[in-house]
Amino acid sequence: MTQDEIIKLARQAGFHDGLFSNESFKHHLAAFAYFVAAKEREACAKACENSVEYAGETLAEKIRAREKGTGINLTLSIKCVTM
């Protein structure tokens, strides 16, 4: 995700424009977005690993590889349910 995409999402979430002129804030916002995306990727990868029906291990590897920019851009609709 690019910095512009992160800022666009932050604006949609209600962050006011004045914050984005602060470089430190933009750096911390980008770091936060990275950690949120990593957590979501790992949750989806674990959900795939547990799924034999959808070649789970292969999909999990591809999802995890996206962090390094080497994975296939998969369009998946995975519903993760926690009990």
C-alpha atoms as a PDB file:
ATOM      1  CA  MET A   1       0.000   0.000   0.000  1.00  0.00           C
ATOM      2  CA  THR A   2       1.375   3.390  -0.918  1.00  0.00           C
ATOM      3  CA  GLN A   3       1.565   6.366   1.417  1.00  0.00           C
ATOM      4  CA  ASP A   4      -1.116   8.105  -0.648  1.00  0.00           C
ATOM      5  CA  GLU A   5      -3.435   5.122  -0.242  1.00  0.00           C
ATOM      6  CA  ILE A   6      -2.833   5.076   3.516  1.00  0.00           C
ATOM      7  CA  ILE A   7      -3.597   8.803   3.759  1.00  0.00           C
ATOM      8  CA  LYS A   8      -6.763   8.349   1.686  1.00  0.00           C
ATOM      9  CA  LEU A   9      -7.959   5.619   4.055  1.00  0.00           C
ATOM     10  CA  ALA A  10      -7.071   7.743   7.091  1.00  0.00           C
ATOM     11  CA  ARG A  11      -9.144  10.609   5.677  1.00  0.00           C
ATOM     12  CA  GLN A  12     -12.051   8.222   5.146  1.00  0.00           C
ATOM     13  CA  ALA A  13     -11.675   7.192   8.803  1.00  0.00           C
ATOM     14  CA  GLY A  14     -12.012  10.837   9.869  1.00  0.00           C
ATOM     15  CA  PHE A  15      -8.411  12.010  10.339  1.00  0.00           C
ATOM     16  CA  HIS A  16      -8.241  15.740   9.598  1.00  0.00           C
ATOM     17  CA  ASP A  17      -6.009  17.117   6.847  1.00  0.00           C
ATOM     18  CA  GLY A  18      -3.751  19.082   9.214  1.00  0.00           C
ATOM     19  CA  LEU A  19      -2.195  15.863  10.496  1.00  0.00           C
ATOM     20  CA  PHE A  20      -0.767  14.918   7.126  1.00  0.00           C
ATOM     21  CA  SER A  21       1.641  17.844   6.981  1.00  0.00           C
ATOM     22  CA  ASN A  22       3.518  16.309   9.933  1.00  0.00           C
ATOM     23  CA  GLU A  23       6.167  13.894   8.583  1.00  0.00           C
ATOM     24  CA  SER A  24       6.462  12.080  11.909  1.00  0.00           C
ATOM     25  CA  PHE A  25       2.713  11.447  11.939  1.00  0.00           C
ATOM     26  CA  LYS A  26       2.801  10.121   8.360  1.00  0.00           C
ATOM     27  CA  HIS A  27       5.663   7.792   9.281  1.00  0.00           C
ATOM     28  CA  HIS A  28       3.786   6.431  12.306  1.00  0.00           C
ATOM     29  CA  LEU A  29       0.570   6.095  10.316  1.00  0.00           C
ATOM     30  CA  ALA A  30       2.399   4.102   7.616  1.00  0.00           C
ATOM     31  CA  ALA A  31       3.975   1.861  10.276  1.00  0.00           C
ATOM     32  CA  PHE A  32       0.545   1.287  11.835  1.00  0.00           C
ATOM     33  CA  ALA A  33      -0.954   0.400   8.440  1.00  0.00           C
ATOM     34  CA  TYR A  34       1.906  -2.048   7.844  1.00  0.00           C
ATOM     35  CA  PHE A  35       1.271  -3.839  11.152  1.00  0.00           C
ATOM     36  CA  VAL A  36      -2.495  -3.987  10.569  1.00  0.00           C
ATOM     37  CA  ALA A  37      -1.968  -5.440   7.085  1.00  0.00           C
ATOM     38  CA  ALA A  38       0.579  -7.975   8.387  1.00  0.00           C
ATOM     39  CA  LYS A  39      -1.828  -9.141  11.096  1.00  0.00           C
ATOM     40  CA  GLU A  40      -4.651  -9.522   8.566  1.00  0.00           C
ATOM     41  CA  ARG A  41      -2.385 -11.365   6.094  1.00  0.00           C
ATOM     42  CA  GLU A  42      -1.351 -13.819   8.808  1.00  0.00           C
ATOM     43  CA  ALA A  43      -4.970 -14.410   9.884  1.00  0.00           C
ATOM     44  CA  CYS A  44      -5.948 -15.132   6.275  1.00  0.00           C
ATOM     45  CA  ALA A  45      -2.906 -17.367   5.748  1.00  0.00           C
ATOM     46  CA  LYS A  46      -3.781 -19.395   8.856  1.00  0.00           C
ATOM     47  CA  ALA A  47      -7.375 -19.713   7.674  1.00  0.00           C
ATOM     48  CA  CYS A  48      -6.073 -21.048   4.340  1.00  0.00           C
ATOM     49  CA  GLU A  49      -3.704 -23.515   5.995  1.00  0.00           C
ATOM     50  CA  ASN A  50      -6.667 -25.077   7.728  1.00  0.00           C
ATOM     51  CA  SER A  51      -8.544 -25.483   4.455  1.00  0.00           C
ATOM     52  CA  VAL A  52      -7.821 -28.596   2.409  1.00  0.00           C
ATOM     53  CA  GLU A  53     -10.623 -27.746   0.021  1.00  0.00           C
ATOM     54  CA  TYR A  54      -8.834 -24.670  -1.350  1.00  0.00           C
ATOM     55  CA  ALA A  55      -5.216 -25.915  -1.462  1.00  0.00           C
ATOM     56  CA  GLY A  56      -4.676 -24.100   1.805  1.00  0.00           C
ATOM     57  CA  GLU A  57      -0.914 -24.406   2.206  1.00  0.00           C
ATOM     58  CA  THR A  58      -0.223 -23.010  -1.268  1.00  0.00           C
ATOM     59  CA  LEU A  59      -2.577 -20.094  -0.733  1.00  0.00           C
ATOM     60  CA  ALA A  60      -1.086 -19.407   2.703  1.00  0.00           C
ATOM     61  CA  GLU A  61       2.413 -19.248   1.190  1.00  0.00           C
ATOM     62  CA  LYS A  62       1.233 -16.813  -1.494  1.00  0.00           C
ATOM     63  CA  ILE A  63      -0.501 -14.576   1.060  1.00  0.00           C
ATOM     64  CA  ARG A  64       2.599 -14.454   3.253  1.00  0.00           C
ATOM     65  CA  ALA A  65       4.801 -13.745   0.215  1.00  0.00           C
ATOM     66  CA  ARG A  66       2.812 -10.573  -0.540  1.00  0.00           C
ATOM     67  CA  GLU A  67       4.713  -8.827   2.271  1.00  0.00           C
ATOM     68  CA  LYS A  68       7.905  -9.276   0.265  1.00  0.00           C
ATOM     69  CA  GLY A  69       6.232  -8.264  -2.974  1.00  0.00           C
ATOM     70  CA  THR A  70       6.906 -11.682  -4.493  1.00  0.00           C
ATOM     71  CA  GLY A  71       3.489 -13.248  -4.152  1.00  0.00           C
ATOM     72  CA  ILE A  72       0.733 -13.573  -6.673  1.00  0.00           C
ATOM     73  CA  ASN A  73      -1.935 -10.908  -6.243  1.00  0.00           C
ATOM     74  CA  LEU A  74      -4.807 -13.110  -5.161  1.00  0.00           C
ATOM     75  CA  THR A  75      -8.372 -11.942  -4.918  1.00  0.00           C
ATOM     76  CA  LEU A  76      -9.774 -14.004  -2.101  1.00  0.00           C
ATOM     77  CA  SER A  77     -12.913 -13.754  -0.095  1.00  0.00           C
ATOM     78  CA  ILE A  78     -12.104 -15.444   3.167  1.00  0.00           C
ATOM     79  CA  LYS A  79     -14.334 -15.109   6.157  1.00  0.00           C
ATOM     80  CA  CYS A  80     -12.348 -15.490   9.364  1.00  0.00           C
ATOM     81  CA  VAL A  81     -14.510 -16.299  12.347  1.00  0.00           C
ATOM     82  CA  THR A  82     -13.154 -16.342  15.859  1.00  0.00           C
ATOM     83  CA  MET A  83     -14.969 -18.239  18.557  1.00  0.00           C
END
